[in-house]
């Protein structure tokens, strides 16, 4: 039997534990920055929505006409043009229809 000798070839891409942890920490910090930015944007957006909601409820509380069917302009529309409420013509003119445009592009 012949004796074979094997050579250990060290991998050219070698990181020590210290370098690996430093790179991992830098990567985690880079990922954490956008998360903080997005969360601050969402928080500001939620504050805006809450303020708008409070304003709408406040306006609704002091409004003279609180329902659309008691609005004189709506009553005039139905008398002169729209026909009857929940009719075919008023449905076609006043209601929107959903079109899924995600498949068009």
PDB file of N, CA and C in Angstrom:
ATOM      1  N   UNK A   1       0.815  -1.165   0.000  1.00  0.00           N
ATOM      2  CA  UNK A   1       0.000   0.000   0.000  1.00  0.00           C
ATOM      3  C   UNK A   1       0.869   1.243   0.000  1.00  0.00           C
ATOM      4  N   UNK A   2       0.447   2.185  -0.782  1.00  0.00           N
ATOM      5  CA  UNK A   2       1.232   3.417  -0.835  1.00  0.00           C
ATOM      6  C   UNK A   2       0.663   4.435   0.134  1.00  0.00           C
ATOM      7  N   UNK A   3       1.544   5.219   0.674  1.00  0.00           N
ATOM      8  CA  UNK A   3       1.100   6.268   1.596  1.00  0.00           C
ATOM      9  C   UNK A   3       0.768   7.510   0.785  1.00  0.00           C
ATOM     10  N   UNK A   4      -0.431   8.016   0.999  1.00  0.00           N
ATOM     11  CA  UNK A   4      -0.837   9.256   0.336  1.00  0.00           C
ATOM     12  C   UNK A   4      -0.802  10.365   1.361  1.00  0.00           C
ATOM     13  N   UNK A   5      -0.301  11.488   0.963  1.00  0.00           N
ATOM     14  CA  UNK A   5      -0.309  12.641   1.863  1.00  0.00           C
ATOM     15  C   UNK A   5      -1.306  13.661   1.325  1.00  0.00           C
ATOM     16  N   UNK A   6      -2.058  14.167   2.240  1.00  0.00           N
ATOM     17  CA  UNK A   6      -3.074  15.160   1.872  1.00  0.00           C
ATOM     18  C   UNK A   6      -2.638  16.527   2.369  1.00  0.00           C
ATOM     19  N   UNK A   7      -2.836  17.504   1.542  1.00  0.00           N
ATOM     20  CA  UNK A   7      -2.502  18.871   1.917  1.00  0.00           C
ATOM     21  C   UNK A   7      -3.797  19.586   2.311  1.00  0.00           C
ATOM     22  N   UNK A   8      -3.705  20.346   3.369  1.00  0.00           N
ATOM     23  CA  UNK A   8      -4.854  21.133   3.801  1.00  0.00           C
ATOM     24  C   UNK A   8      -4.793  22.479   3.098  1.00  0.00           C
ATOM     25  N   UNK A   9      -5.760  22.740   2.293  1.00  0.00           N
ATOM     26  CA  UNK A   9      -5.814  24.027   1.580  1.00  0.00           C
ATOM     27  C   UNK A   9      -6.811  24.904   2.321  1.00  0.00           C
ATOM     28  N   UNK A  10      -6.328  25.964   2.909  1.00  0.00           N
ATOM     29  CA  UNK A  10      -7.197  26.864   3.655  1.00  0.00           C
ATOM     30  C   UNK A  10      -8.048  27.664   2.685  1.00  0.00           C
ATOM     31  N   UNK A  11      -9.281  27.842   3.068  1.00  0.00           N
ATOM     32  CA  UNK A  11     -10.201  28.604   2.231  1.00  0.00           C
ATOM     33  C   UNK A  11      -9.703  30.040   2.121  1.00  0.00           C
ATOM     34  N   UNK A  12      -9.766  30.577   0.913  1.00  0.00           N
ATOM     35  CA  UNK A  12      -9.262  31.937   0.714  1.00  0.00           C
ATOM     36  C   UNK A  12     -10.172  32.980   1.371  1.00  0.00           C
ATOM     37  N   UNK A  13     -11.455  32.653   1.542  1.00  0.00           N
ATOM     38  CA  UNK A  13     -12.387  33.573   2.179  1.00  0.00           C
ATOM     39  C   UNK A  13     -12.562  33.141   3.623  1.00  0.00           C
ATOM     40  N   UNK A  14     -11.761  33.687   4.479  1.00  0.00           N
ATOM     41  CA  UNK A  14     -11.795  33.308   5.883  1.00  0.00           C
ATOM     42  C   UNK A  14     -12.044  34.547   6.726  1.00  0.00           C
ATOM     43  N   UNK A  15     -13.024  34.448   7.603  1.00  0.00           N
ATOM     44  CA  UNK A  15     -13.318  35.548   8.516  1.00  0.00           C
ATOM     45  C   UNK A  15     -13.134  35.058   9.945  1.00  0.00           C
ATOM     46  N   UNK A  16     -12.485  35.871  10.713  1.00  0.00           N
ATOM     47  CA  UNK A  16     -12.411  35.547  12.128  1.00  0.00           C
ATOM     48  C   UNK A  16     -13.758  35.862  12.774  1.00  0.00           C
ATOM     49  N   UNK A  17     -13.961  35.369  13.974  1.00  0.00           N
ATOM     50  CA  UNK A  17     -15.207  35.650  14.681  1.00  0.00           C
ATOM     51  C   UNK A  17     -15.409  37.143  14.880  1.00  0.00           C
ATOM     52  N   UNK A  18     -14.355  37.835  15.210  1.00  0.00           N
ATOM     53  CA  UNK A  18     -14.433  39.278  15.460  1.00  0.00           C
ATOM     54  C   UNK A  18     -14.851  40.031  14.196  1.00  0.00           C
ATOM     55  N   UNK A  19     -14.255  39.671  13.050  1.00  0.00           N
ATOM     56  CA  UNK A  19     -14.616  40.337  11.787  1.00  0.00           C
ATOM     57  C   UNK A  19     -16.060  39.994  11.401  1.00  0.00           C
ATOM     58  N   UNK A  20     -16.459  38.752  11.618  1.00  0.00           N
ATOM     59  CA  UNK A  20     -17.806  38.326  11.281  1.00  0.00           C
ATOM     60  C   UNK A  20     -18.842  39.095  12.095  1.00  0.00           C
ATOM     61  N   UNK A  21     -18.593  39.256  13.384  1.00  0.00           N
ATOM     62  CA  UNK A  21     -19.512  39.996  14.249  1.00  0.00           C
ATOM     63  C   UNK A  21     -19.556  41.469  13.851  1.00  0.00           C
ATOM     64  N   UNK A  22     -18.409  42.046  13.495  1.00  0.00           N
ATOM     65  CA  UNK A  22     -18.376  43.453  13.079  1.00  0.00           C
ATOM     66  C   UNK A  22     -19.171  43.654  11.794  1.00  0.00           C
ATOM     67  N   UNK A  23     -19.003  42.749  10.847  1.00  0.00           N
ATOM     68  CA  UNK A  23     -19.748  42.868   9.586  1.00  0.00           C
ATOM     69  C   UNK A  23     -21.236  42.658   9.829  1.00  0.00           C
ATOM     70  N   UNK A  24     -21.580  41.685  10.665  1.00  0.00           N
ATOM     71  CA  UNK A  24     -22.986  41.434  10.984  1.00  0.00           C
ATOM     72  C   UNK A  24     -23.631  42.617  11.675  1.00  0.00           C
ATOM     73  N   UNK A  25     -22.906  43.259  12.595  1.00  0.00           N
ATOM     74  CA  UNK A  25     -23.440  44.427  13.293  1.00  0.00           C
ATOM     75  C   UNK A  25     -23.655  45.593  12.326  1.00  0.00           C
ATOM     76  N   UNK A  26     -22.714  45.790  11.414  1.00  0.00           N
ATOM     77  CA  UNK A  26     -22.866  46.864  10.424  1.00  0.00           C
ATOM     78  C   UNK A  26     -24.068  46.592   9.516  1.00  0.00           C
ATOM     79  N   UNK A  27     -24.237  45.336   9.136  1.00  0.00           N
ATOM     80  CA  UNK A  27     -25.369  44.968   8.283  1.00  0.00           C
ATOM     81  C   UNK A  27     -26.690  45.171   9.020  1.00  0.00           C
ATOM     82  N   UNK A  28     -26.753  44.775  10.272  1.00  0.00           N
ATOM     83  CA  UNK A  28     -27.971  44.952  11.065  1.00  0.00           C
ATOM     84  C   UNK A  28     -28.293  46.432  11.259  1.00  0.00           C
ATOM     85  N   UNK A  29     -27.256  47.242  11.468  1.00  0.00           N
ATOM     86  CA  UNK A  29     -27.472  48.682  11.625  1.00  0.00           C
ATOM     87  C   UNK A  29     -27.998  49.290  10.326  1.00  0.00           C
ATOM     88  N   UNK A  30     -27.473  48.827   9.199  1.00  0.00           N
ATOM     89  CA  UNK A  30     -27.941  49.339   7.915  1.00  0.00           C
ATOM     90  C   UNK A  30     -29.396  48.946   7.666  1.00  0.00           C
ATOM     91  N   UNK A  31     -29.793  47.763   8.120  1.00  0.00           N
ATOM     92  CA  UNK A  31     -31.186  47.349   7.959  1.00  0.00           C
ATOM     93  C   UNK A  31     -32.117  48.055   8.940  1.00  0.00           C
ATOM     94  N   UNK A  32     -31.596  48.417  10.085  1.00  0.00           N
ATOM     95  CA  UNK A  32     -32.433  49.048  11.101  1.00  0.00           C
ATOM     96  C   UNK A  32     -32.767  50.494  10.764  1.00  0.00           C
ATOM     97  N   UNK A  33     -31.928  51.160  10.004  1.00  0.00           N
ATOM     98  CA  UNK A  33     -32.193  52.559   9.655  1.00  0.00           C
ATOM     99  C   UNK A  33     -33.495  52.728   8.868  1.00  0.00           C
ATOM    100  N   UNK A  34     -33.717  51.973   7.794  1.00  0.00           N
ATOM    101  CA  UNK A  34     -34.975  52.156   7.073  1.00  0.00           C
ATOM    102  C   UNK A  34     -36.200  51.785   7.910  1.00  0.00           C
ATOM    103  N   UNK A  35     -36.087  50.807   8.796  1.00  0.00           N
ATOM    104  CA  UNK A  35     -37.222  50.425   9.626  1.00  0.00           C
ATOM    105  C   UNK A  35     -37.636  51.597  10.521  1.00  0.00           C
ATOM    106  N   UNK A  36     -36.653  52.260  11.125  1.00  0.00           N
ATOM    107  CA  UNK A  36     -36.946  53.432  11.945  1.00  0.00           C
ATOM    108  C   UNK A  36     -37.547  54.555  11.129  1.00  0.00           C
ATOM    109  N   UNK A  37     -37.053  54.730   9.922  1.00  0.00           N
ATOM    110  CA  UNK A  37     -37.575  55.792   9.060  1.00  0.00           C
ATOM    111  C   UNK A  37     -39.018  55.498   8.685  1.00  0.00           C
ATOM    112  N   UNK A  38     -39.296  54.253   8.287  1.00  0.00           N
ATOM    113  CA  UNK A  38     -40.657  53.886   7.914  1.00  0.00           C
ATOM    114  C   UNK A  38     -41.606  53.994   9.101  1.00  0.00           C
ATOM    115  N   UNK A  39     -41.149  53.566  10.266  1.00  0.00           N
ATOM    116  CA  UNK A  39     -42.038  53.631  11.425  1.00  0.00           C
ATOM    117  C   UNK A  39     -42.354  55.076  11.796  1.00  0.00           C
ATOM    118  N   UNK A  40     -41.382  55.985  11.646  1.00  0.00           N
ATOM    119  CA  UNK A  40     -41.670  57.391  11.938  1.00  0.00           C
ATOM    120  C   UNK A  40     -42.657  57.972  10.914  1.00  0.00           C
ATOM    121  N   UNK A  41     -42.512  57.564   9.659  1.00  0.00           N
ATOM    122  CA  UNK A  41     -43.455  58.029   8.629  1.00  0.00           C
ATOM    123  C   UNK A  41     -44.869  57.514   8.916  1.00  0.00           C
ATOM    124  N   UNK A  42     -44.975  56.235   9.301  1.00  0.00           N
ATOM    125  CA  UNK A  42     -46.289  55.674   9.606  1.00  0.00           C
ATOM    126  C   UNK A  42     -46.901  56.335  10.834  1.00  0.00           C
ATOM    127  N   UNK A  43     -46.068  56.644  11.815  1.00  0.00           N
ATOM    128  CA  UNK A  43     -46.578  57.290  13.022  1.00  0.00           C
ATOM    129  C   UNK A  43     -47.122  58.677  12.703  1.00  0.00           C
ATOM    130  N   UNK A  44     -46.376  59.433  11.872  1.00  0.00           N
ATOM    131  CA  UNK A  44     -46.863  60.757  11.477  1.00  0.00           C
ATOM    132  C   UNK A  44     -48.149  60.652  10.667  1.00  0.00           C
ATOM    133  N   UNK A  45     -48.226  59.632   9.791  1.00  0.00           N
ATOM    134  CA  UNK A  45     -49.434  59.443   8.989  1.00  0.00           C
ATOM    135  C   UNK A  45     -50.614  59.108   9.893  1.00  0.00           C
ATOM    136  N   UNK A  46     -50.397  58.255  10.887  1.00  0.00           N
ATOM    137  CA  UNK A  46     -51.475  57.898  11.801  1.00  0.00           C
ATOM    138  C   UNK A  46     -51.925  59.100  12.618  1.00  0.00           C
ATOM    139  N   UNK A  47     -50.993  59.960  13.017  1.00  0.00           N
ATOM    140  CA  UNK A  47     -51.362  61.180  13.736  1.00  0.00           C
ATOM    141  C   UNK A  47     -52.225  62.077  12.851  1.00  0.00           C
ATOM    142  N   UNK A  48     -51.859  62.168  11.565  1.00  0.00           N
ATOM    143  CA  UNK A  48     -52.641  62.968  10.622  1.00  0.00           C
ATOM    144  C   UNK A  48     -54.052  62.403  10.475  1.00  0.00           C
ATOM    145  N   UNK A  49     -54.155  61.085  10.356  1.00  0.00           N
ATOM    146  CA  UNK A  49     -55.465  60.456  10.193  1.00  0.00           C
ATOM    147  C   UNK A  49     -56.321  60.679  11.436  1.00  0.00           C
ATOM    148  N   UNK A  50     -55.721  60.554  12.619  1.00  0.00           N
ATOM    149  CA  UNK A  50     -56.473  60.782  13.858  1.00  0.00           C
ATOM    150  C   UNK A  50     -56.962  62.225  13.950  1.00  0.00           C
ATOM    151  N   UNK A  51     -56.090  63.181  13.590  1.00  0.00           N
ATOM    152  CA  UNK A  51     -56.484  64.591  13.642  1.00  0.00           C
ATOM    153  C   UNK A  51     -57.597  64.873  12.639  1.00  0.00           C
ATOM    154  N   UNK A  52     -57.499  64.296  11.447  1.00  0.00           N
ATOM    155  CA  UNK A  52     -58.533  64.492  10.430  1.00  0.00           C
ATOM    156  C   UNK A  52     -59.859  63.883  10.883  1.00  0.00           C
ATOM    157  N   UNK A  53     -59.794  62.704  11.485  1.00  0.00           N
ATOM    158  CA  UNK A  53     -61.008  62.053  11.977  1.00  0.00           C
ATOM    159  C   UNK A  53     -61.682  62.888  13.056  1.00  0.00           C
ATOM    160  N   UNK A  54     -60.881  63.404  13.976  1.00  0.00           N
ATOM    161  CA  UNK A  54     -61.441  64.257  15.030  1.00  0.00           C
ATOM    162  C   UNK A  54     -62.095  65.494  14.441  1.00  0.00           C
ATOM    163  N   UNK A  55     -61.455  66.093  13.437  1.00  0.00           N
ATOM    164  CA  UNK A  55     -62.023  67.271  12.786  1.00  0.00           C
ATOM    165  C   UNK A  55     -63.328  66.969  12.076  1.00  0.00           C
ATOM    166  N   UNK A  56     -63.388  65.810  11.409  1.00  0.00           N
ATOM    167  CA  UNK A  56     -64.626  65.447  10.707  1.00  0.00           C
ATOM    168  C   UNK A  56     -65.762  65.189  11.682  1.00  0.00           C
ATOM    169  N   UNK A  57     -65.455  64.515  12.794  1.00  0.00           N
ATOM    170  CA  UNK A  57     -66.507  64.290  13.794  1.00  0.00           C
ATOM    171  C   UNK A  57     -66.967  65.612  14.413  1.00  0.00           C
ATOM    172  N   UNK A  58     -66.035  66.525  14.612  1.00  0.00           N
ATOM    173  CA  UNK A  58     -66.379  67.835  15.170  1.00  0.00           C
ATOM    174  C   UNK A  58     -67.274  68.603  14.202  1.00  0.00           C
ATOM    175  N   UNK A  59     -66.916  68.583  12.904  1.00  0.00           N
ATOM    176  CA  UNK A  59     -67.740  69.246  11.897  1.00  0.00           C
ATOM    177  C   UNK A  59     -69.121  68.605  11.791  1.00  0.00           C
ATOM    178  N   UNK A  60     -69.163  67.284  11.903  1.00  0.00           N
ATOM    179  CA  UNK A  60     -70.444  66.582  11.812  1.00  0.00           C
ATOM    180  C   UNK A  60     -71.346  66.910  12.999  1.00  0.00           C
ATOM    181  N   UNK A  61     -70.756  67.112  14.153  1.00  0.00           N
ATOM    182  CA  UNK A  61     -71.551  67.396  15.350  1.00  0.00           C
ATOM    183  C   UNK A  61     -72.236  68.758  15.261  1.00  0.00           C
ATOM    184  N   UNK A  62     -71.608  69.727  14.576  1.00  0.00           N
ATOM    185  CA  UNK A  62     -72.193  71.065  14.499  1.00  0.00           C
ATOM    186  C   UNK A  62     -72.939  71.318  13.188  1.00  0.00           C
ATOM    187  N   UNK A  63     -72.972  70.322  12.293  1.00  0.00           N
ATOM    188  CA  UNK A  63     -73.610  70.501  10.990  1.00  0.00           C
ATOM    189  C   UNK A  63     -75.126  70.533  11.130  1.00  0.00           C
ATOM    190  N   UNK A  64     -75.778  71.350  10.319  1.00  0.00           N
ATOM    191  CA  UNK A  64     -77.237  71.418  10.313  1.00  0.00           C
ATOM    192  C   UNK A  64     -77.822  70.197   9.600  1.00  0.00           C
ATOM    193  N   UNK A  65     -77.229  69.840   8.472  1.00  0.00           N
ATOM    194  CA  UNK A  65     -77.682  68.673   7.704  1.00  0.00           C
ATOM    195  C   UNK A  65     -76.680  67.537   7.926  1.00  0.00           C
ATOM    196  N   UNK A  66     -77.131  66.498   8.589  1.00  0.00           N
ATOM    197  CA  UNK A  66     -76.216  65.414   8.913  1.00  0.00           C
ATOM    198  C   UNK A  66     -76.432  64.181   8.051  1.00  0.00           C
ATOM    199  N   UNK A  67     -77.458  64.154   7.226  1.00  0.00           N
ATOM    200  CA  UNK A  67     -77.721  63.014   6.351  1.00  0.00           C
ATOM    201  C   UNK A  67     -77.863  63.519   4.924  1.00  0.00           C
ATOM    202  N   UNK A  68     -77.364  62.747   3.974  1.00  0.00           N
ATOM    203  CA  UNK A  68     -77.344  63.218   2.591  1.00  0.00           C
ATOM    204  C   UNK A  68     -78.740  63.296   1.981  1.00  0.00           C
ATOM    205  N   UNK A  69     -79.659  62.418   2.367  1.00  0.00           N
ATOM    206  CA  UNK A  69     -80.976  62.446   1.738  1.00  0.00           C
ATOM    207  C   UNK A  69     -81.813  63.648   2.190  1.00  0.00           C
ATOM    208  N   UNK A  70     -81.384  64.381   3.226  1.00  0.00           N
ATOM    209  CA  UNK A  70     -82.086  65.594   3.641  1.00  0.00           C
ATOM    210  C   UNK A  70     -81.450  66.846   3.039  1.00  0.00           C
ATOM    211  N   UNK A  71     -80.408  66.672   2.266  1.00  0.00           N
ATOM    212  CA  UNK A  71     -79.702  67.790   1.649  1.00  0.00           C
ATOM    213  C   UNK A  71     -80.552  68.343   0.496  1.00  0.00           C
ATOM    214  N   UNK A  72     -80.830  69.654   0.481  1.00  0.00           N
ATOM    215  CA  UNK A  72     -81.650  70.228  -0.591  1.00  0.00           C
ATOM    216  C   UNK A  72     -81.037  70.056  -1.975  1.00  0.00           C
ATOM    217  N   UNK A  73     -79.731  70.088  -2.075  1.00  0.00           N
ATOM    218  CA  UNK A  73     -79.099  69.905  -3.387  1.00  0.00           C
ATOM    219  C   UNK A  73     -79.327  68.493  -3.913  1.00  0.00           C
ATOM    220  N   UNK A  74     -79.275  67.512  -3.044  1.00  0.00           N
ATOM    221  CA  UNK A  74     -79.519  66.129  -3.462  1.00  0.00           C
ATOM    222  C   UNK A  74     -80.990  65.949  -3.844  1.00  0.00           C
ATOM    223  N   UNK A  75     -81.876  66.539  -3.079  1.00  0.00           N
ATOM    224  CA  UNK A  75     -83.302  66.454  -3.413  1.00  0.00           C
ATOM    225  C   UNK A  75     -83.581  67.097  -4.764  1.00  0.00           C
ATOM    226  N   UNK A  76     -82.933  68.224  -5.021  1.00  0.00           N
ATOM    227  CA  UNK A  76     -83.106  68.908  -6.306  1.00  0.00           C
ATOM    228  C   UNK A  76     -82.570  68.052  -7.453  1.00  0.00           C
ATOM    229  N   UNK A  77     -81.452  67.378  -7.233  1.00  0.00           N
ATOM    230  CA  UNK A  77     -80.881  66.503  -8.263  1.00  0.00           C
ATOM    231  C   UNK A  77     -81.880  65.403  -8.640  1.00  0.00           C
ATOM    232  N   UNK A  78     -82.470  64.764  -7.628  1.00  0.00           N
ATOM    233  CA  UNK A  78     -83.408  63.671  -7.912  1.00  0.00           C
ATOM    234  C   UNK A  78     -84.678  64.189  -8.588  1.00  0.00           C
ATOM    235  N   UNK A  79     -85.164  65.380  -8.212  1.00  0.00           N
ATOM    236  CA  UNK A  79     -86.373  65.927  -8.833  1.00  0.00           C
ATOM    237  C   UNK A  79     -86.132  66.280 -10.295  1.00  0.00           C
ATOM    238  N   UNK A  80     -84.993  66.913 -10.595  1.00  0.00           N
ATOM    239  CA  UNK A  80     -84.762  67.438 -11.937  1.00  0.00           C
ATOM    240  C   UNK A  80     -84.083  66.457 -12.879  1.00  0.00           C
ATOM    241  N   UNK A  81     -83.258  65.547 -12.365  1.00  0.00           N
ATOM    242  CA  UNK A  81     -82.449  64.771 -13.289  1.00  0.00           C
ATOM    243  C   UNK A  81     -82.358  63.293 -12.943  1.00  0.00           C
ATOM    244  N   UNK A  82     -82.124  62.965 -11.703  1.00  0.00           N
ATOM    245  CA  UNK A  82     -81.733  61.599 -11.344  1.00  0.00           C
ATOM    246  C   UNK A  82     -82.835  60.578 -11.264  1.00  0.00           C
ATOM    247  N   UNK A  83     -84.079  61.006 -11.334  1.00  0.00           N
ATOM    248  CA  UNK A  83     -85.155  60.029 -11.220  1.00  0.00           C
ATOM    249  C   UNK A  83     -85.460  59.740  -9.765  1.00  0.00           C
ATOM    250  N   UNK A  84     -85.379  58.503  -9.382  1.00  0.00           N
ATOM    251  CA  UNK A  84     -85.680  58.130  -8.000  1.00  0.00           C
ATOM    252  C   UNK A  84     -84.416  57.618  -7.319  1.00  0.00           C
ATOM    253  N   UNK A  85     -84.341  57.778  -6.010  1.00  0.00           N
ATOM    254  CA  UNK A  85     -83.194  57.216  -5.290  1.00  0.00           C
ATOM    255  C   UNK A  85     -83.135  55.701  -5.462  1.00  0.00           C
ATOM    256  N   UNK A  86     -81.951  55.184  -5.584  1.00  0.00           N
ATOM    257  CA  UNK A  86     -81.684  53.765  -5.810  1.00  0.00           C
ATOM    258  C   UNK A  86     -82.214  53.274  -7.154  1.00  0.00           C
ATOM    259  N   UNK A  87     -82.518  54.206  -8.059  1.00  0.00           N
ATOM    260  CA  UNK A  87     -82.956  53.824  -9.394  1.00  0.00           C
ATOM    261  C   UNK A  87     -81.769  53.493 -10.289  1.00  0.00           C
ATOM    262  N   UNK A  88     -82.067  52.988 -11.482  1.00  0.00           N
ATOM    263  CA  UNK A  88     -81.022  52.563 -12.406  1.00  0.00           C
ATOM    264  C   UNK A  88     -80.151  53.740 -12.859  1.00  0.00           C
ATOM    265  N   UNK A  89     -80.782  54.853 -13.251  1.00  0.00           N
ATOM    266  CA  UNK A  89     -80.028  56.008 -13.740  1.00  0.00           C
ATOM    267  C   UNK A  89     -79.162  56.616 -12.639  1.00  0.00           C
ATOM    268  N   UNK A  90     -79.718  56.779 -11.454  1.00  0.00           N
ATOM    269  CA  UNK A  90     -78.918  57.353 -10.367  1.00  0.00           C
ATOM    270  C   UNK A  90     -77.789  56.419  -9.970  1.00  0.00           C
ATOM    271  N   UNK A  91     -78.032  55.124 -10.031  1.00  0.00           N
ATOM    272  CA  UNK A  91     -76.969  54.167  -9.722  1.00  0.00           C
ATOM    273  C   UNK A  91     -75.834  54.284 -10.733  1.00  0.00           C
ATOM    274  N   UNK A  92     -76.158  54.378 -12.016  1.00  0.00           N
ATOM    275  CA  UNK A  92     -75.133  54.494 -13.050  1.00  0.00           C
ATOM    276  C   UNK A  92     -74.345  55.792 -12.929  1.00  0.00           C
ATOM    277  N   UNK A  93     -75.011  56.882 -12.552  1.00  0.00           N
ATOM    278  CA  UNK A  93     -74.341  58.181 -12.504  1.00  0.00           C
ATOM    279  C   UNK A  93     -73.562  58.412 -11.211  1.00  0.00           C
ATOM    280  N   UNK A  94     -74.051  57.917 -10.093  1.00  0.00           N
ATOM    281  CA  UNK A  94     -73.464  58.269  -8.805  1.00  0.00           C
ATOM    282  C   UNK A  94     -72.519  57.222  -8.230  1.00  0.00           C
ATOM    283  N   UNK A  95     -72.614  55.983  -8.664  1.00  0.00           N
ATOM    284  CA  UNK A  95     -71.791  54.941  -8.076  1.00  0.00           C
ATOM    285  C   UNK A  95     -70.607  54.604  -8.979  1.00  0.00           C
ATOM    286  N   UNK A  96     -69.518  54.256  -8.341  1.00  0.00           N
ATOM    287  CA  UNK A  96     -68.320  53.883  -9.087  1.00  0.00           C
ATOM    288  C   UNK A  96     -68.250  52.369  -9.191  1.00  0.00           C
ATOM    289  N   UNK A  97     -67.479  51.914 -10.129  1.00  0.00           N
ATOM    290  CA  UNK A  97     -67.294  50.479 -10.344  1.00  0.00           C
ATOM    291  C   UNK A  97     -65.812  50.157 -10.237  1.00  0.00           C
ATOM    292  N   UNK A  98     -65.488  49.100  -9.531  1.00  0.00           N
ATOM    293  CA  UNK A  98     -64.101  48.690  -9.336  1.00  0.00           C
ATOM    294  C   UNK A  98     -63.587  47.987 -10.581  1.00  0.00           C
ATOM    295  N   UNK A  99     -62.411  48.401 -11.028  1.00  0.00           N
ATOM    296  CA  UNK A  99     -61.736  47.744 -12.132  1.00  0.00           C
ATOM    297  C   UNK A  99     -60.359  47.342 -11.634  1.00  0.00           C
ATOM    298  N   UNK A 100     -60.031  46.071 -11.706  1.00  0.00           N
ATOM    299  CA  UNK A 100     -58.735  45.585 -11.259  1.00  0.00           C
ATOM    300  C   UNK A 100     -57.703  45.902 -12.331  1.00  0.00           C
ATOM    301  N   UNK A 101     -56.885  46.916 -12.071  1.00  0.00           N
ATOM    302  CA  UNK A 101     -55.903  47.378 -13.041  1.00  0.00           C
ATOM    303  C   UNK A 101     -54.523  46.765 -12.822  1.00  0.00           C
ATOM    304  N   UNK A 102     -54.395  45.879 -11.870  1.00  0.00           N
ATOM    305  CA  UNK A 102     -53.074  45.282 -11.615  1.00  0.00           C
ATOM    306  C   UNK A 102     -52.668  44.350 -12.748  1.00  0.00           C
ATOM    307  N   UNK A 103     -53.630  43.788 -13.446  1.00  0.00           N
ATOM    308  CA  UNK A 103     -53.311  42.836 -14.525  1.00  0.00           C
ATOM    309  C   UNK A 103     -53.110  43.545 -15.864  1.00  0.00           C
ATOM    310  N   UNK A 104     -53.352  44.858 -15.923  1.00  0.00           N
ATOM    311  CA  UNK A 104     -53.219  45.577 -17.188  1.00  0.00           C
ATOM    312  C   UNK A 104     -51.778  45.863 -17.553  1.00  0.00           C
ATOM    313  N   UNK A 105     -50.915  46.031 -16.552  1.00  0.00           N
ATOM    314  CA  UNK A 105     -49.526  46.389 -16.866  1.00  0.00           C
ATOM    315  C   UNK A 105     -48.689  45.172 -17.162  1.00  0.00           C
TER     316      UNK A 105
END
